[in-house]
Amino acid sequence: MSLIYQDPTMTHDRALRLLASGSDAETAAALISIGLNESDRIWAQNTCLKHLEAESELVVAAAVTALGHIARRHGEVDKESVIPALETVKTTFSALAGVVEDTLDDIHAFT
């Protein structure tokens, strides 16, 4: 198996287009870019929180990971809304428990 690096950087407008695409893969790519690049922390956090309620495990995993990136990059998240939402993900998608724990670790370490 070979790995292919994909640059997650995209403009805010492109991320919005991908979020509206209806494609799980494009939505996940947009969420990762938002976590890594978006300067508006509150918008980024709220966008990720919204996508934690998606039916797609891929999209939810990307939103969880992006929240960890936001915590690391900005040094803050709204813990009162983010932490309970992440705990809910663990019950909805038990396979994502490890990803959620990694994000919770980032939140505790960087905020």
C-alpha atoms as a PDB file:
ATOM      1  CA  MET A   1       0.000   0.000   0.000  1.00  0.00           C
ATOM      2  CA  SER A   2       1.270   3.441  -0.851  1.00  0.00           C
ATOM      3  CA  LEU A   3       0.288   6.610   0.888  1.00  0.00           C
ATOM      4  CA  ILE A   4      -0.549   9.753  -1.017  1.00  0.00           C
ATOM      5  CA  TYR A   5      -0.123  13.074   0.753  1.00  0.00           C
ATOM      6  CA  GLN A   6      -2.937  15.535   0.207  1.00  0.00           C
ATOM      7  CA  ASP A   7      -2.481  19.146   1.215  1.00  0.00           C
ATOM      8  CA  PRO A   8      -5.485  19.949   3.422  1.00  0.00           C
ATOM      9  CA  THR A   9      -5.192  23.684   2.815  1.00  0.00           C
ATOM     10  CA  MET A  10      -8.095  25.351   1.058  1.00  0.00           C
ATOM     11  CA  THR A  11      -9.753  28.732   1.117  1.00  0.00           C
ATOM     12  CA  HIS A  12     -12.733  29.445   3.321  1.00  0.00           C
ATOM     13  CA  ASP A  13     -14.948  29.729   0.237  1.00  0.00           C
ATOM     14  CA  ARG A  14     -13.772  26.383  -1.145  1.00  0.00           C
ATOM     15  CA  ALA A  15     -14.390  24.752   2.231  1.00  0.00           C
ATOM     16  CA  LEU A  16     -17.937  26.151   2.186  1.00  0.00           C
ATOM     17  CA  ARG A  17     -18.513  24.718  -1.286  1.00  0.00           C
ATOM     18  CA  LEU A  18     -17.250  21.298  -0.230  1.00  0.00           C
ATOM     19  CA  LEU A  19     -19.386  21.349   2.921  1.00  0.00           C
ATOM     20  CA  ALA A  20     -22.420  21.968   0.723  1.00  0.00           C
ATOM     21  CA  SER A  21     -21.466  19.288  -1.804  1.00  0.00           C
ATOM     22  CA  GLY A  22     -23.266  16.419  -0.101  1.00  0.00           C
ATOM     23  CA  SER A  23     -20.183  14.225  -0.528  1.00  0.00           C
ATOM     24  CA  ASP A  24     -18.882  12.653   2.675  1.00  0.00           C
ATOM     25  CA  ALA A  25     -15.299  12.680   1.379  1.00  0.00           C
ATOM     26  CA  GLU A  26     -15.455  16.336   0.348  1.00  0.00           C
ATOM     27  CA  THR A  27     -17.136  17.329   3.613  1.00  0.00           C
ATOM     28  CA  ALA A  28     -14.440  15.503   5.585  1.00  0.00           C
ATOM     29  CA  ALA A  29     -11.683  17.221   3.576  1.00  0.00           C
ATOM     30  CA  ALA A  30     -13.294  20.604   4.216  1.00  0.00           C
ATOM     31  CA  LEU A  31     -13.569  19.935   7.953  1.00  0.00           C
ATOM     32  CA  ILE A  32      -9.905  18.974   8.226  1.00  0.00           C
ATOM     33  CA  SER A  33      -8.927  22.125   6.346  1.00  0.00           C
ATOM     34  CA  ILE A  34     -11.144  24.198   8.630  1.00  0.00           C
ATOM     35  CA  GLY A  35      -9.490  22.692  11.701  1.00  0.00           C
ATOM     36  CA  LEU A  36      -6.015  23.342  10.363  1.00  0.00           C
ATOM     37  CA  ASN A  37      -6.482  26.694   8.657  1.00  0.00           C
ATOM     38  CA  GLU A  38      -9.614  28.649   9.586  1.00  0.00           C
ATOM     39  CA  SER A  39      -8.885  31.906  11.395  1.00  0.00           C
ATOM     40  CA  ASP A  40     -12.433  32.342  12.739  1.00  0.00           C
ATOM     41  CA  ARG A  41     -12.331  29.959  15.703  1.00  0.00           C
ATOM     42  CA  ILE A  42     -15.967  30.311  16.663  1.00  0.00           C
ATOM     43  CA  TRP A  43     -17.238  29.666  13.145  1.00  0.00           C
ATOM     44  CA  ALA A  44     -14.855  26.711  12.797  1.00  0.00           C
ATOM     45  CA  GLN A  45     -15.921  25.240  16.136  1.00  0.00           C
ATOM     46  CA  ASN A  46     -19.620  25.646  15.385  1.00  0.00           C
ATOM     47  CA  THR A  47     -19.202  24.104  11.942  1.00  0.00           C
ATOM     48  CA  CYS A  48     -17.484  21.089  13.477  1.00  0.00           C
ATOM     49  CA  LEU A  49     -20.113  20.768  16.204  1.00  0.00           C
ATOM     50  CA  LYS A  50     -22.836  20.737  13.562  1.00  0.00           C
ATOM     51  CA  HIS A  51     -21.066  17.939  11.701  1.00  0.00           C
ATOM     52  CA  LEU A  52     -20.700  15.816  14.837  1.00  0.00           C
ATOM     53  CA  GLU A  53     -24.388  15.048  14.278  1.00  0.00           C
ATOM     54  CA  ALA A  54     -23.838  13.646  10.771  1.00  0.00           C
ATOM     55  CA  GLU A  55     -24.818  10.081   9.956  1.00  0.00           C
ATOM     56  CA  SER A  56     -21.487   9.413   8.252  1.00  0.00           C
ATOM     57  CA  GLU A  57     -18.707   8.074  10.473  1.00  0.00           C
ATOM     58  CA  LEU A  58     -16.156   9.611   8.082  1.00  0.00           C
ATOM     59  CA  VAL A  59     -17.659  13.080   8.484  1.00  0.00           C
ATOM     60  CA  VAL A  60     -17.967  12.752  12.259  1.00  0.00           C
ATOM     61  CA  ALA A  61     -14.372  11.529  12.547  1.00  0.00           C
ATOM     62  CA  ALA A  62     -13.164  14.536  10.538  1.00  0.00           C
ATOM     63  CA  ALA A  63     -15.192  16.934  12.702  1.00  0.00           C
ATOM     64  CA  VAL A  64     -13.761  15.392  15.873  1.00  0.00           C
ATOM     65  CA  THR A  65     -10.206  15.645  14.546  1.00  0.00           C
ATOM     66  CA  ALA A  66     -10.770  19.218  13.394  1.00  0.00           C
ATOM     67  CA  LEU A  67     -11.913  20.208  16.892  1.00  0.00           C
ATOM     68  CA  GLY A  68      -8.584  18.938  18.219  1.00  0.00           C
ATOM     69  CA  HIS A  69      -6.755  21.037  15.629  1.00  0.00           C
ATOM     70  CA  ILE A  70      -8.799  24.095  16.630  1.00  0.00           C
ATOM     71  CA  ALA A  71      -7.910  23.593  20.301  1.00  0.00           C
ATOM     72  CA  ARG A  72      -4.233  23.230  19.450  1.00  0.00           C
ATOM     73  CA  ARG A  73      -4.082  26.178  17.046  1.00  0.00           C
ATOM     74  CA  HIS A  74      -6.267  28.679  18.895  1.00  0.00           C
ATOM     75  CA  GLY A  75      -5.662  27.609  22.493  1.00  0.00           C
ATOM     76  CA  GLU A  76      -9.352  27.568  23.278  1.00  0.00           C
ATOM     77  CA  VAL A  77     -12.683  25.941  22.548  1.00  0.00           C
ATOM     78  CA  ASP A  78     -16.045  26.267  24.232  1.00  0.00           C
ATOM     79  CA  LYS A  79     -15.577  23.325  26.579  1.00  0.00           C
ATOM     80  CA  GLU A  80     -19.169  23.520  27.817  1.00  0.00           C
ATOM     81  CA  SER A  81     -20.485  22.620  24.370  1.00  0.00           C
ATOM     82  CA  VAL A  82     -17.575  20.722  22.823  1.00  0.00           C
ATOM     83  CA  ILE A  83     -16.830  18.168  25.548  1.00  0.00           C
ATOM     84  CA  PRO A  84     -20.414  16.890  25.946  1.00  0.00           C
ATOM     85  CA  ALA A  85     -20.769  16.709  22.160  1.00  0.00           C
ATOM     86  CA  LEU A  86     -17.595  14.629  21.946  1.00  0.00           C
ATOM     87  CA  GLU A  87     -18.826  12.318  24.691  1.00  0.00           C
ATOM     88  CA  THR A  88     -22.028  11.793  22.699  1.00  0.00           C
ATOM     89  CA  VAL A  89     -19.955  10.805  19.661  1.00  0.00           C
ATOM     90  CA  LYS A  90     -18.377   8.005  21.701  1.00  0.00           C
ATOM     91  CA  THR A  91     -21.793   6.498  22.329  1.00  0.00           C
ATOM     92  CA  THR A  92     -23.094   7.067  18.798  1.00  0.00           C
ATOM     93  CA  PHE A  93     -19.952   5.834  17.018  1.00  0.00           C
ATOM     94  CA  SER A  94     -18.105   3.551  19.417  1.00  0.00           C
ATOM     95  CA  ALA A  95     -15.419   2.951  16.784  1.00  0.00           C
ATOM     96  CA  LEU A  96     -14.435   6.620  17.122  1.00  0.00           C
ATOM     97  CA  ALA A  97     -13.732   6.413  20.870  1.00  0.00           C
ATOM     98  CA  GLY A  98      -9.967   6.584  20.308  1.00  0.00           C
ATOM     99  CA  VAL A  99     -10.237   9.598  18.001  1.00  0.00           C
ATOM    100  CA  VAL A 100     -12.464  11.325  20.543  1.00  0.00           C
ATOM    101  CA  GLU A 101      -9.980  10.600  23.335  1.00  0.00           C
ATOM    102  CA  ASP A 102      -7.151  12.069  21.236  1.00  0.00           C
ATOM    103  CA  THR A 103      -9.184  15.234  20.715  1.00  0.00           C
ATOM    104  CA  LEU A 104     -10.079  15.438  24.397  1.00  0.00           C
ATOM    105  CA  ASP A 105      -6.357  15.119  25.173  1.00  0.00           C
ATOM    106  CA  ASP A 106      -5.651  18.034  22.791  1.00  0.00           C
ATOM    107  CA  ILE A 107      -8.357  20.118  24.451  1.00  0.00           C
ATOM    108  CA  HIS A 108      -6.960  19.445  27.913  1.00  0.00           C
ATOM    109  CA  ALA A 109      -3.348  20.029  26.812  1.00  0.00           C
ATOM    110  CA  PHE A 110      -3.820  23.195  24.788  1.00  0.00           C
ATOM    111  CA  THR A 111      -6.760  25.061  26.328  1.00  0.00           C
END
